[in-house]
């Protein structure tokens, strides 16, 4: 069945898998787009980013981020509020950073799948 012939509310199988990973990330932790692709052993950061852009609104999208910890452009304030609510480790922005928006502290916030690793297929 081609993607064009899917019912409007059906997701492509890869998108479902990406969204499942996003939902499994604990509050206060993050994975990069590349981490998700590696976890799934399929696709790459761009494919994961595309899925999140198209379908990620119903899952904790703020937990899947760029490897440099920069907040999603256009959604910085919403993401920042969620990070603060969840206690996600942040690095204060330097004076040179645009808008002085903090970044996620990747060293402390990055999640490797932890307890879910045994069920990984």
PDB file of N, CA and C in Angstrom:
ATOM      1  N   UNK A   1       0.857  -1.171   0.000  1.00  0.00           N
ATOM      2  CA  UNK A   1       0.000   0.000   0.000  1.00  0.00           C
ATOM      3  C   UNK A   1       0.900   1.229   0.000  1.00  0.00           C
ATOM      4  N   UNK A   2       0.710   2.146  -0.927  1.00  0.00           N
ATOM      5  CA  UNK A   2       1.532   3.348  -0.987  1.00  0.00           C
ATOM      6  C   UNK A   2       1.044   4.347   0.059  1.00  0.00           C
ATOM      7  N   UNK A   3       1.936   5.274   0.407  1.00  0.00           N
ATOM      8  CA  UNK A   3       1.587   6.274   1.407  1.00  0.00           C
ATOM      9  C   UNK A   3       0.390   7.109   0.974  1.00  0.00           C
ATOM     10  N   UNK A   4       0.255   7.359  -0.344  1.00  0.00           N
ATOM     11  CA  UNK A   4      -0.866   8.148  -0.846  1.00  0.00           C
ATOM     12  C   UNK A   4      -2.206   7.453  -0.637  1.00  0.00           C
ATOM     13  N   UNK A   5      -2.221   6.125  -0.577  1.00  0.00           N
ATOM     14  CA  UNK A   5      -3.485   5.411  -0.447  1.00  0.00           C
ATOM     15  C   UNK A   5      -3.843   5.090   1.006  1.00  0.00           C
ATOM     16  N   UNK A   6      -3.018   5.530   1.945  1.00  0.00           N
ATOM     17  CA  UNK A   6      -3.321   5.297   3.354  1.00  0.00           C
ATOM     18  C   UNK A   6      -4.493   6.170   3.791  1.00  0.00           C
ATOM     19  N   UNK A   7      -5.299   5.691   4.725  1.00  0.00           N
ATOM     20  CA  UNK A   7      -6.355   6.543   5.288  1.00  0.00           C
ATOM     21  C   UNK A   7      -5.722   7.793   5.906  1.00  0.00           C
ATOM     22  N   UNK A   8      -6.456   8.878   5.949  1.00  0.00           N
ATOM     23  CA  UNK A   8      -5.924  10.157   6.427  1.00  0.00           C
ATOM     24  C   UNK A   8      -5.345  10.068   7.838  1.00  0.00           C
ATOM     25  N   UNK A   9      -5.930   9.220   8.687  1.00  0.00           N
ATOM     26  CA  UNK A   9      -5.451   9.138  10.063  1.00  0.00           C
ATOM     27  C   UNK A   9      -4.395   8.056  10.272  1.00  0.00           C
ATOM     28  N   UNK A  10      -3.978   7.361   9.218  1.00  0.00           N
ATOM     29  CA  UNK A  10      -2.966   6.315   9.333  1.00  0.00           C
ATOM     30  C   UNK A  10      -1.579   6.923   9.192  1.00  0.00           C
ATOM     31  N   UNK A  11      -0.650   6.393   9.969  1.00  0.00           N
ATOM     32  CA  UNK A  11       0.736   6.846   9.895  1.00  0.00           C
ATOM     33  C   UNK A  11       1.568   5.796   9.173  1.00  0.00           C
ATOM     34  N   UNK A  12       2.565   6.243   8.427  1.00  0.00           N
ATOM     35  CA  UNK A  12       3.507   5.264   7.883  1.00  0.00           C
ATOM     36  C   UNK A  12       4.174   4.515   9.041  1.00  0.00           C
ATOM     37  N   UNK A  13       4.530   3.270   8.811  1.00  0.00           N
ATOM     38  CA  UNK A  13       5.102   2.417   9.863  1.00  0.00           C
ATOM     39  C   UNK A  13       6.351   3.045  10.481  1.00  0.00           C
ATOM     40  N   UNK A  14       7.229   3.613   9.672  1.00  0.00           N
ATOM     41  CA  UNK A  14       8.436   4.244  10.203  1.00  0.00           C
ATOM     42  C   UNK A  14       8.075   5.404  11.130  1.00  0.00           C
ATOM     43  N   UNK A  15       7.097   6.198  10.753  1.00  0.00           N
ATOM     44  CA  UNK A  15       6.674   7.320  11.591  1.00  0.00           C
ATOM     45  C   UNK A  15       6.150   6.828  12.931  1.00  0.00           C
ATOM     46  N   UNK A  16       5.386   5.762  12.920  1.00  0.00           N
ATOM     47  CA  UNK A  16       4.880   5.193  14.184  1.00  0.00           C
ATOM     48  C   UNK A  16       6.026   4.787  15.097  1.00  0.00           C
ATOM     49  N   UNK A  17       7.046   4.179  14.501  1.00  0.00           N
ATOM     50  CA  UNK A  17       8.196   3.736  15.295  1.00  0.00           C
ATOM     51  C   UNK A  17       8.953   4.928  15.878  1.00  0.00           C
ATOM     52  N   UNK A  18       9.141   5.973  15.093  1.00  0.00           N
ATOM     53  CA  UNK A  18       9.817   7.179  15.587  1.00  0.00           C
ATOM     54  C   UNK A  18       9.021   7.789  16.733  1.00  0.00           C
ATOM     55  N   UNK A  19       7.714   7.908  16.559  1.00  0.00           N
ATOM     56  CA  UNK A  19       6.871   8.507  17.598  1.00  0.00           C
ATOM     57  C   UNK A  19       6.845   7.653  18.859  1.00  0.00           C
ATOM     58  N   UNK A  20       6.910   6.329  18.706  1.00  0.00           N
ATOM     59  CA  UNK A  20       6.982   5.446  19.879  1.00  0.00           C
ATOM     60  C   UNK A  20       8.251   5.718  20.688  1.00  0.00           C
ATOM     61  N   UNK A  21       9.360   5.916  19.984  1.00  0.00           N
ATOM     62  CA  UNK A  21      10.612   6.226  20.683  1.00  0.00           C
ATOM     63  C   UNK A  21      10.483   7.560  21.407  1.00  0.00           C
ATOM     64  N   UNK A  22       9.951   8.577  20.729  1.00  0.00           N
ATOM     65  CA  UNK A  22       9.783   9.892  21.353  1.00  0.00           C
ATOM     66  C   UNK A  22       8.939   9.788  22.623  1.00  0.00           C
ATOM     67  N   UNK A  23       7.899   8.987  22.586  1.00  0.00           N
ATOM     68  CA  UNK A  23       7.038   8.823  23.763  1.00  0.00           C
ATOM     69  C   UNK A  23       7.729   8.073  24.897  1.00  0.00           C
ATOM     70  N   UNK A  24       8.746   7.289  24.577  1.00  0.00           N
ATOM     71  CA  UNK A  24       9.426   6.506  25.611  1.00  0.00           C
ATOM     72  C   UNK A  24      10.512   7.289  26.340  1.00  0.00           C
ATOM     73  N   UNK A  25      10.887   8.451  25.842  1.00  0.00           N
ATOM     74  CA  UNK A  25      11.930   9.254  26.479  1.00  0.00           C
ATOM     75  C   UNK A  25      11.369   9.838  27.771  1.00  0.00           C
ATOM     76  N   UNK A  26      12.043   9.587  28.891  1.00  0.00           N
ATOM     77  CA  UNK A  26      11.518  10.078  30.172  1.00  0.00           C
ATOM     78  C   UNK A  26      11.551  11.603  30.274  1.00  0.00           C
ATOM     79  N   UNK A  27      10.662  12.168  31.077  1.00  0.00           N
ATOM     80  CA  UNK A  27      10.706  13.610  31.320  1.00  0.00           C
ATOM     81  C   UNK A  27      12.083  14.015  31.832  1.00  0.00           C
ATOM     82  N   UNK A  28      12.561  15.155  31.362  1.00  0.00           N
ATOM     83  CA  UNK A  28      13.865  15.653  31.786  1.00  0.00           C
ATOM     84  C   UNK A  28      15.031  15.100  31.000  1.00  0.00           C
ATOM     85  N   UNK A  29      14.762  14.228  30.045  1.00  0.00           N
ATOM     86  CA  UNK A  29      15.815  13.625  29.223  1.00  0.00           C
ATOM     87  C   UNK A  29      15.520  13.895  27.758  1.00  0.00           C
ATOM     88  N   UNK A  30      16.528  13.753  26.896  1.00  0.00           N
ATOM     89  CA  UNK A  30      16.376  13.990  25.462  1.00  0.00           C
ATOM     90  C   UNK A  30      17.154  12.955  24.670  1.00  0.00           C
ATOM     91  N   UNK A  31      16.775  12.807  23.412  1.00  0.00           N
ATOM     92  CA  UNK A  31      17.545  12.052  22.427  1.00  0.00           C
ATOM     93  C   UNK A  31      17.694  12.961  21.212  1.00  0.00           C
ATOM     94  N   UNK A  32      18.783  12.776  20.473  1.00  0.00           N
ATOM     95  CA  UNK A  32      18.946  13.534  19.241  1.00  0.00           C
ATOM     96  C   UNK A  32      18.207  12.820  18.119  1.00  0.00           C
ATOM     97  N   UNK A  33      18.026  13.522  17.015  1.00  0.00           N
ATOM     98  CA  UNK A  33      17.413  12.909  15.839  1.00  0.00           C
ATOM     99  C   UNK A  33      18.233  11.691  15.417  1.00  0.00           C
ATOM    100  N   UNK A  34      19.550  11.828  15.458  1.00  0.00           N
ATOM    101  CA  UNK A  34      20.419  10.718  15.101  1.00  0.00           C
ATOM    102  C   UNK A  34      20.333   9.564  16.087  1.00  0.00           C
ATOM    103  N   UNK A  35      20.175   9.872  17.383  1.00  0.00           N
ATOM    104  CA  UNK A  35      20.013   8.825  18.390  1.00  0.00           C
ATOM    105  C   UNK A  35      18.777   7.982  18.089  1.00  0.00           C
ATOM    106  N   UNK A  36      17.689   8.648  17.725  1.00  0.00           N
ATOM    107  CA  UNK A  36      16.442   7.930  17.435  1.00  0.00           C
ATOM    108  C   UNK A  36      16.639   7.021  16.227  1.00  0.00           C
ATOM    109  N   UNK A  37      17.264   7.542  15.179  1.00  0.00           N
ATOM    110  CA  UNK A  37      17.517   6.731  13.981  1.00  0.00           C
ATOM    111  C   UNK A  37      18.403   5.538  14.315  1.00  0.00           C
ATOM    112  N   UNK A  38      19.431   5.769  15.126  1.00  0.00           N
ATOM    113  CA  UNK A  38      20.322   4.669  15.523  1.00  0.00           C
ATOM    114  C   UNK A  38      19.573   3.646  16.364  1.00  0.00           C
ATOM    115  N   UNK A  39      18.729   4.124  17.271  1.00  0.00           N
ATOM    116  CA  UNK A  39      17.934   3.238  18.132  1.00  0.00           C
ATOM    117  C   UNK A  39      17.050   2.322  17.290  1.00  0.00           C
ATOM    118  N   UNK A  40      16.464   2.919  16.232  1.00  0.00           N
ATOM    119  CA  UNK A  40      15.581   2.153  15.348  1.00  0.00           C
ATOM    120  C   UNK A  40      16.368   1.322  14.345  1.00  0.00           C
ATOM    121  N   UNK A  41      17.653   1.624  14.202  1.00  0.00           N
ATOM    122  CA  UNK A  41      18.509   0.967  13.213  1.00  0.00           C
ATOM    123  C   UNK A  41      17.931   1.142  11.810  1.00  0.00           C
ATOM    124  N   UNK A  42      17.397   2.358  11.586  1.00  0.00           N
ATOM    125  CA  UNK A  42      16.780   2.655  10.296  1.00  0.00           C
ATOM    126  C   UNK A  42      16.727   4.165  10.107  1.00  0.00           C
ATOM    127  N   UNK A  43      16.933   4.615   8.879  1.00  0.00           N
ATOM    128  CA  UNK A  43      16.847   6.031   8.569  1.00  0.00           C
ATOM    129  C   UNK A  43      18.039   6.790   9.121  1.00  0.00           C
ATOM    130  N   UNK A  44      17.881   8.078   9.193  1.00  0.00           N
ATOM    131  CA  UNK A  44      18.923   8.957   9.693  1.00  0.00           C
ATOM    132  C   UNK A  44      18.297  10.165  10.349  1.00  0.00           C
ATOM    133  N   UNK A  45      19.126  11.103  10.802  1.00  0.00           N
ATOM    134  CA  UNK A  45      18.599  12.282  11.490  1.00  0.00           C
ATOM    135  C   UNK A  45      17.580  13.060  10.663  1.00  0.00           C
ATOM    136  N   UNK A  46      17.812  13.192   9.372  1.00  0.00           N
ATOM    137  CA  UNK A  46      16.874  13.952   8.546  1.00  0.00           C
ATOM    138  C   UNK A  46      15.517  13.267   8.452  1.00  0.00           C
ATOM    139  N   UNK A  47      15.518  11.947   8.350  1.00  0.00           N
ATOM    140  CA  UNK A  47      14.249  11.217   8.278  1.00  0.00           C
ATOM    141  C   UNK A  47      13.481  11.356   9.594  1.00  0.00           C
ATOM    142  N   UNK A  48      14.198  11.247  10.707  1.00  0.00           N
ATOM    143  CA  UNK A  48      13.553  11.407  12.012  1.00  0.00           C
ATOM    144  C   UNK A  48      13.014  12.830  12.149  1.00  0.00           C
ATOM    145  N   UNK A  49      13.800  13.816  11.738  1.00  0.00           N
ATOM    146  CA  UNK A  49      13.351  15.201  11.800  1.00  0.00           C
ATOM    147  C   UNK A  49      12.106  15.438  10.965  1.00  0.00           C
ATOM    148  N   UNK A  50      12.059  14.816   9.806  1.00  0.00           N
ATOM    149  CA  UNK A  50      10.884  14.947   8.929  1.00  0.00           C
ATOM    150  C   UNK A  50       9.640  14.353   9.594  1.00  0.00           C
ATOM    151  N   UNK A  51       9.796  13.176  10.196  1.00  0.00           N
ATOM    152  CA  UNK A  51       8.670  12.556  10.904  1.00  0.00           C
ATOM    153  C   UNK A  51       8.202  13.463  12.036  1.00  0.00           C
ATOM    154  N   UNK A  52       9.149  13.989  12.808  1.00  0.00           N
ATOM    155  CA  UNK A  52       8.772  14.845  13.929  1.00  0.00           C
ATOM    156  C   UNK A  52       8.080  16.114  13.442  1.00  0.00           C
ATOM    157  N   UNK A  53       8.548  16.669  12.326  1.00  0.00           N
ATOM    158  CA  UNK A  53       7.925  17.879  11.785  1.00  0.00           C
ATOM    159  C   UNK A  53       6.498  17.611  11.308  1.00  0.00           C
ATOM    160  N   UNK A  54       6.283  16.467  10.687  1.00  0.00           N
ATOM    161  CA  UNK A  54       4.963  16.154  10.137  1.00  0.00           C
ATOM    162  C   UNK A  54       3.985  15.595  11.164  1.00  0.00           C
ATOM    163  N   UNK A  55       4.475  14.755  12.072  1.00  0.00           N
ATOM    164  CA  UNK A  55       3.576  13.997  12.950  1.00  0.00           C
ATOM    165  C   UNK A  55       3.843  14.160  14.446  1.00  0.00           C
ATOM    166  N   UNK A  56       4.870  14.896  14.813  1.00  0.00           N
ATOM    167  CA  UNK A  56       5.324  14.917  16.200  1.00  0.00           C
ATOM    168  C   UNK A  56       4.525  15.740  17.178  1.00  0.00           C
ATOM    169  N   UNK A  57       3.526  16.464  16.726  1.00  0.00           N
ATOM    170  CA  UNK A  57       2.780  17.336  17.626  1.00  0.00           C
ATOM    171  C   UNK A  57       2.047  16.630  18.745  1.00  0.00           C
ATOM    172  N   UNK A  58       1.741  15.353  18.579  1.00  0.00           N
ATOM    173  CA  UNK A  58       0.968  14.617  19.589  1.00  0.00           C
ATOM    174  C   UNK A  58       1.855  13.881  20.593  1.00  0.00           C
ATOM    175  N   UNK A  59       3.173  13.977  20.439  1.00  0.00           N
ATOM    176  CA  UNK A  59       4.104  13.315  21.350  1.00  0.00           C
ATOM    177  C   UNK A  59       5.003  14.382  21.972  1.00  0.00           C
ATOM    178  N   UNK A  60       5.802  14.044  22.978  1.00  0.00           N
ATOM    179  CA  UNK A  60       6.700  15.038  23.580  1.00  0.00           C
ATOM    180  C   UNK A  60       7.853  15.400  22.633  1.00  0.00           C
ATOM    181  N   UNK A  61       7.550  16.194  21.615  1.00  0.00           N
ATOM    182  CA  UNK A  61       8.483  16.558  20.550  1.00  0.00           C
ATOM    183  C   UNK A  61       9.723  17.267  21.076  1.00  0.00           C
ATOM    184  N   UNK A  62       9.602  17.974  22.183  1.00  0.00           N
ATOM    185  CA  UNK A  62      10.725  18.730  22.738  1.00  0.00           C
ATOM    186  C   UNK A  62      11.832  17.815  23.270  1.00  0.00           C
ATOM    187  N   UNK A  63      11.551  16.529  23.379  1.00  0.00           N
ATOM    188  CA  UNK A  63      12.555  15.575  23.868  1.00  0.00           C
ATOM    189  C   UNK A  63      13.403  14.985  22.743  1.00  0.00           C
ATOM    190  N   UNK A  64      13.112  15.324  21.495  1.00  0.00           N
ATOM    191  CA  UNK A  64      13.917  14.882  20.348  1.00  0.00           C
ATOM    192  C   UNK A  64      14.507  16.156  19.739  1.00  0.00           C
ATOM    193  N   UNK A  65      15.840  16.294  19.830  1.00  0.00           N
ATOM    194  CA  UNK A  65      16.455  17.578  19.504  1.00  0.00           C
ATOM    195  C   UNK A  65      17.733  17.426  18.680  1.00  0.00           C
ATOM    196  N   UNK A  66      18.265  18.557  18.287  1.00  0.00           N
ATOM    197  CA  UNK A  66      19.536  18.594  17.569  1.00  0.00           C
ATOM    198  C   UNK A  66      20.669  18.185  18.498  1.00  0.00           C
ATOM    199  N   UNK A  67      21.725  17.652  17.933  1.00  0.00           N
ATOM    200  CA  UNK A  67      22.856  17.154  18.719  1.00  0.00           C
ATOM    201  C   UNK A  67      23.584  18.262  19.479  1.00  0.00           C
ATOM    202  N   UNK A  68      23.463  19.510  19.027  1.00  0.00           N
ATOM    203  CA  UNK A  68      24.147  20.601  19.721  1.00  0.00           C
ATOM    204  C   UNK A  68      23.324  21.187  20.868  1.00  0.00           C
ATOM    205  N   UNK A  69      22.116  20.670  21.080  1.00  0.00           N
ATOM    206  CA  UNK A  69      21.285  21.123  22.192  1.00  0.00           C
ATOM    207  C   UNK A  69      20.515  22.404  21.936  1.00  0.00           C
ATOM    208  N   UNK A  70      20.633  22.964  20.733  1.00  0.00           N
ATOM    209  CA  UNK A  70      19.904  24.194  20.393  1.00  0.00           C
ATOM    210  C   UNK A  70      18.412  23.885  20.318  1.00  0.00           C
ATOM    211  N   UNK A  71      17.618  24.779  20.887  1.00  0.00           N
ATOM    212  CA  UNK A  71      16.174  24.577  20.907  1.00  0.00           C
ATOM    213  C   UNK A  71      15.591  24.749  19.505  1.00  0.00           C
ATOM    214  N   UNK A  72      14.496  24.049  19.240  1.00  0.00           N
ATOM    215  CA  UNK A  72      13.858  24.050  17.933  1.00  0.00           C
ATOM    216  C   UNK A  72      13.451  25.463  17.527  1.00  0.00           C
ATOM    217  N   UNK A  73      14.022  25.982  16.431  1.00  0.00           N
ATOM    218  CA  UNK A  73      13.692  27.338  15.986  1.00  0.00           C
ATOM    219  C   UNK A  73      12.189  27.514  15.776  1.00  0.00           C
ATOM    220  N   UNK A  74      11.695  28.612  16.319  1.00  0.00           N
ATOM    221  CA  UNK A  74      10.271  28.910  16.216  1.00  0.00           C
ATOM    222  C   UNK A  74       9.456  28.347  17.369  1.00  0.00           C
ATOM    223  N   UNK A  75      10.068  27.440  18.117  1.00  0.00           N
ATOM    224  CA  UNK A  75       9.371  26.804  19.246  1.00  0.00           C
ATOM    225  C   UNK A  75      10.191  26.908  20.533  1.00  0.00           C
ATOM    226  N   UNK A  76      11.154  27.829  20.541  1.00  0.00           N
ATOM    227  CA  UNK A  76      12.076  27.935  21.676  1.00  0.00           C
ATOM    228  C   UNK A  76      11.374  28.177  23.001  1.00  0.00           C
ATOM    229  N   UNK A  77      10.441  29.104  23.019  1.00  0.00           N
ATOM    230  CA  UNK A  77       9.805  29.447  24.292  1.00  0.00           C
ATOM    231  C   UNK A  77       8.950  28.316  24.833  1.00  0.00           C
ATOM    232  N   UNK A  78       8.198  27.645  23.962  1.00  0.00           N
ATOM    233  CA  UNK A  78       7.394  26.511  24.420  1.00  0.00           C
ATOM    234  C   UNK A  78       8.292  25.377  24.907  1.00  0.00           C
ATOM    235  N   UNK A  79       9.341  25.082  24.132  1.00  0.00           N
ATOM    236  CA  UNK A  79      10.269  24.018  24.531  1.00  0.00           C
ATOM    237  C   UNK A  79      10.943  24.371  25.851  1.00  0.00           C
ATOM    238  N   UNK A  80      11.397  25.613  25.990  1.00  0.00           N
ATOM    239  CA  UNK A  80      12.074  26.044  27.208  1.00  0.00           C
ATOM    240  C   UNK A  80      11.165  25.889  28.431  1.00  0.00           C
ATOM    241  N   UNK A  81       9.902  26.259  28.278  1.00  0.00           N
ATOM    242  CA  UNK A  81       8.951  26.105  29.386  1.00  0.00           C
ATOM    243  C   UNK A  81       8.802  24.636  29.770  1.00  0.00           C
ATOM    244  N   UNK A  82       8.748  23.763  28.778  1.00  0.00           N
ATOM    245  CA  UNK A  82       8.611  22.326  29.055  1.00  0.00           C
ATOM    246  C   UNK A  82       9.875  21.768  29.698  1.00  0.00           C
ATOM    247  N   UNK A  83      11.046  22.207  29.225  1.00  0.00           N
ATOM    248  CA  UNK A  83      12.304  21.742  29.831  1.00  0.00           C
ATOM    249  C   UNK A  83      12.378  22.159  31.295  1.00  0.00           C
ATOM    250  N   UNK A  84      11.998  23.380  31.555  1.00  0.00           N
ATOM    251  CA  UNK A  84      12.047  23.858  32.947  1.00  0.00           C
ATOM    252  C   UNK A  84      11.047  23.109  33.819  1.00  0.00           C
ATOM    253  N   UNK A  85       9.860  22.841  33.274  1.00  0.00           N
ATOM    254  CA  UNK A  85       8.831  22.094  34.005  1.00  0.00           C
ATOM    255  C   UNK A  85       9.305  20.683  34.333  1.00  0.00           C
ATOM    256  N   UNK A  86      10.026  20.051  33.385  1.00  0.00           N
ATOM    257  CA  UNK A  86      10.485  18.672  33.562  1.00  0.00           C
ATOM    258  C   UNK A  86      11.838  18.571  34.267  1.00  0.00           C
ATOM    259  N   UNK A  87      12.503  19.691  34.464  1.00  0.00           N
ATOM    260  CA  UNK A  87      13.816  19.658  35.105  1.00  0.00           C
ATOM    261  C   UNK A  87      14.927  19.199  34.175  1.00  0.00           C
ATOM    262  N   UNK A  88      14.773  19.413  32.880  1.00  0.00           N
ATOM    263  CA  UNK A  88      15.801  19.048  31.907  1.00  0.00           C
ATOM    264  C   UNK A  88      17.028  19.920  32.136  1.00  0.00           C
ATOM    265  N   UNK A  89      18.215  19.322  32.240  1.00  0.00           N
ATOM    266  CA  UNK A  89      19.429  20.128  32.435  1.00  0.00           C
ATOM    267  C   UNK A  89      19.658  21.081  31.252  1.00  0.00           C
ATOM    268  N   UNK A  90      19.889  22.345  31.583  1.00  0.00           N
ATOM    269  CA  UNK A  90      20.107  23.384  30.570  1.00  0.00           C
ATOM    270  C   UNK A  90      21.459  24.049  30.810  1.00  0.00           C
ATOM    271  N   UNK A  91      21.979  24.608  29.729  1.00  0.00           N
ATOM    272  CA  UNK A  91      23.193  25.419  29.809  1.00  0.00           C
ATOM    273  C   UNK A  91      22.774  26.845  29.489  1.00  0.00           C
ATOM    274  N   UNK A  92      23.151  27.747  30.340  1.00  0.00           N
ATOM    275  CA  UNK A  92      22.794  29.147  30.093  1.00  0.00           C
ATOM    276  C   UNK A  92      23.454  29.628  28.820  1.00  0.00           C
ATOM    277  N   UNK A  93      22.744  30.480  28.133  1.00  0.00           N
ATOM    278  CA  UNK A  93      23.227  31.006  26.857  1.00  0.00           C
ATOM    279  C   UNK A  93      24.336  32.022  27.089  1.00  0.00           C
ATOM    280  N   UNK A  94      25.297  31.999  26.203  1.00  0.00           N
ATOM    281  CA  UNK A  94      26.336  33.012  26.236  1.00  0.00           C
ATOM    282  C   UNK A  94      25.807  34.304  25.662  1.00  0.00           C
ATOM    283  N   UNK A  95      26.514  35.384  25.886  1.00  0.00           N
ATOM    284  CA  UNK A  95      26.074  36.687  25.383  1.00  0.00           C
ATOM    285  C   UNK A  95      25.998  36.717  23.868  1.00  0.00           C
ATOM    286  N   UNK A  96      26.795  35.884  23.212  1.00  0.00           N
ATOM    287  CA  UNK A  96      26.829  35.880  21.747  1.00  0.00           C
ATOM    288  C   UNK A  96      25.669  35.095  21.137  1.00  0.00           C
ATOM    289  N   UNK A  97      25.014  34.242  21.926  1.00  0.00           N
ATOM    290  CA  UNK A  97      23.945  33.423  21.341  1.00  0.00           C
ATOM    291  C   UNK A  97      22.706  34.260  21.072  1.00  0.00           C
ATOM    292  N   UNK A  98      22.117  33.962  19.939  1.00  0.00           N
ATOM    293  CA  UNK A  98      20.958  34.707  19.474  1.00  0.00           C
ATOM    294  C   UNK A  98      19.810  34.591  20.469  1.00  0.00           C
ATOM    295  N   UNK A  99      19.308  35.740  20.919  1.00  0.00           N
ATOM    296  CA  UNK A  99      18.174  35.766  21.824  1.00  0.00           C
ATOM    297  C   UNK A  99      18.506  35.325  23.239  1.00  0.00           C
ATOM    298  N   UNK A 100      19.752  34.979  23.489  1.00  0.00           N
ATOM    299  CA  UNK A 100      20.197  34.520  24.815  1.00  0.00           C
ATOM    300  C   UNK A 100      19.340  33.369  25.343  1.00  0.00           C
ATOM    301  N   UNK A 101      18.942  32.471  24.449  1.00  0.00           N
ATOM    302  CA  UNK A 101      18.136  31.314  24.824  1.00  0.00           C
ATOM    303  C   UNK A 101      19.082  30.195  25.252  1.00  0.00           C
ATOM    304  N   UNK A 102      18.813  29.574  26.406  1.00  0.00           N
ATOM    305  CA  UNK A 102      19.675  28.466  26.838  1.00  0.00           C
ATOM    306  C   UNK A 102      19.630  27.300  25.850  1.00  0.00           C
ATOM    307  N   UNK A 103      20.585  26.402  25.994  1.00  0.00           N
ATOM    308  CA  UNK A 103      20.613  25.147  25.242  1.00  0.00           C
ATOM    309  C   UNK A 103      20.408  24.019  26.236  1.00  0.00           C
ATOM    310  N   UNK A 104      20.023  22.874  25.711  1.00  0.00           N
ATOM    311  CA  UNK A 104      19.956  21.678  26.547  1.00  0.00           C
ATOM    312  C   UNK A 104      21.389  21.239  26.821  1.00  0.00           C
ATOM    313  N   UNK A 105      21.674  20.883  28.055  1.00  0.00           N
ATOM    314  CA  UNK A 105      22.995  20.359  28.423  1.00  0.00           C
ATOM    315  C   UNK A 105      23.028  18.895  27.994  1.00  0.00           C
ATOM    316  N   UNK A 106      23.553  18.654  26.807  1.00  0.00           N
ATOM    317  CA  UNK A 106      23.518  17.312  26.221  1.00  0.00           C
ATOM    318  C   UNK A 106      24.267  16.284  27.060  1.00  0.00           C
ATOM    319  N   UNK A 107      25.344  16.689  27.693  1.00  0.00           N
ATOM    320  CA  UNK A 107      26.122  15.747  28.500  1.00  0.00           C
ATOM    321  C   UNK A 107      25.272  15.180  29.645  1.00  0.00           C
ATOM    322  N   UNK A 108      24.420  16.003  30.221  1.00  0.00           N
ATOM    323  CA  UNK A 108      23.616  15.571  31.362  1.00  0.00           C
ATOM    324  C   UNK A 108      22.212  15.095  30.984  1.00  0.00           C
ATOM    325  N   UNK A 109      21.656  15.603  29.878  1.00  0.00           N
ATOM    326  CA  UNK A 109      20.254  15.314  29.540  1.00  0.00           C
ATOM    327  C   UNK A 109      20.089  14.164  28.563  1.00  0.00           C
ATOM    328  N   UNK A 110      21.130  13.806  27.838  1.00  0.00           N
ATOM    329  CA  UNK A 110      20.990  12.788  26.785  1.00  0.00           C
ATOM    330  C   UNK A 110      20.650  11.434  27.385  1.00  0.00           C
ATOM    331  N   UNK A 111      19.673  10.783  26.767  1.00  0.00           N
ATOM    332  CA  UNK A 111      19.183   9.485  27.239  1.00  0.00           C
ATOM    333  C   UNK A 111      19.561   8.416  26.228  1.00  0.00           C
ATOM    334  N   UNK A 112      20.044   7.279  26.704  1.00  0.00           N
ATOM    335  CA  UNK A 112      20.495   6.207  25.797  1.00  0.00           C
ATOM    336  C   UNK A 112      19.502   5.064  25.682  1.00  0.00           C
ATOM    337  N   UNK A 113      18.344   5.203  26.256  1.00  0.00           N
ATOM    338  CA  UNK A 113      17.358   4.134  26.179  1.00  0.00           C
ATOM    339  C   UNK A 113      17.240   3.373  27.474  1.00  0.00           C
ATOM    340  N   UNK A 114      18.241   3.509  28.334  1.00  0.00           N
ATOM    341  CA  UNK A 114      18.224   2.928  29.668  1.00  0.00           C
ATOM    342  C   UNK A 114      17.531   1.606  29.794  1.00  0.00           C
ATOM    343  N   UNK A 115      16.502   1.559  30.625  1.00  0.00           N
ATOM    344  CA  UNK A 115      15.794   0.324  30.923  1.00  0.00           C
ATOM    345  C   UNK A 115      15.056  -0.253  29.717  1.00  0.00           C
ATOM    346  N   UNK A 116      14.831   0.556  28.675  1.00  0.00           N
ATOM    347  CA  UNK A 116      14.142   0.059  27.490  1.00  0.00           C
ATOM    348  C   UNK A 116      15.087  -0.713  26.555  1.00  0.00           C
ATOM    349  N   UNK A 117      16.388  -0.658  26.828  1.00  0.00           N
ATOM    350  CA  UNK A 117      17.362  -1.252  25.922  1.00  0.00           C
ATOM    351  C   UNK A 117      17.161  -2.754  25.751  1.00  0.00           C
ATOM    352  N   UNK A 118      16.743  -3.445  26.814  1.00  0.00           N
ATOM    353  CA  UNK A 118      16.573  -4.898  26.708  1.00  0.00           C
ATOM    354  C   UNK A 118      15.440  -5.280  25.759  1.00  0.00           C
ATOM    355  N   UNK A 119      14.416  -4.431  25.656  1.00  0.00           N
ATOM    356  CA  UNK A 119      13.294  -4.728  24.777  1.00  0.00           C
ATOM    357  C   UNK A 119      13.497  -4.245  23.366  1.00  0.00           C
ATOM    358  N   UNK A 120      14.647  -3.648  23.095  1.00  0.00           N
ATOM    359  CA  UNK A 120      14.933  -3.093  21.773  1.00  0.00           C
ATOM    360  C   UNK A 120      15.114  -4.190  20.752  1.00  0.00           C
ATOM    361  N   UNK A 121      14.439  -4.017  19.612  1.00  0.00           N
ATOM    362  CA  UNK A 121      14.593  -5.003  18.531  1.00  0.00           C
ATOM    363  C   UNK A 121      15.067  -4.330  17.280  1.00  0.00           C
TER     364      UNK A 121
END
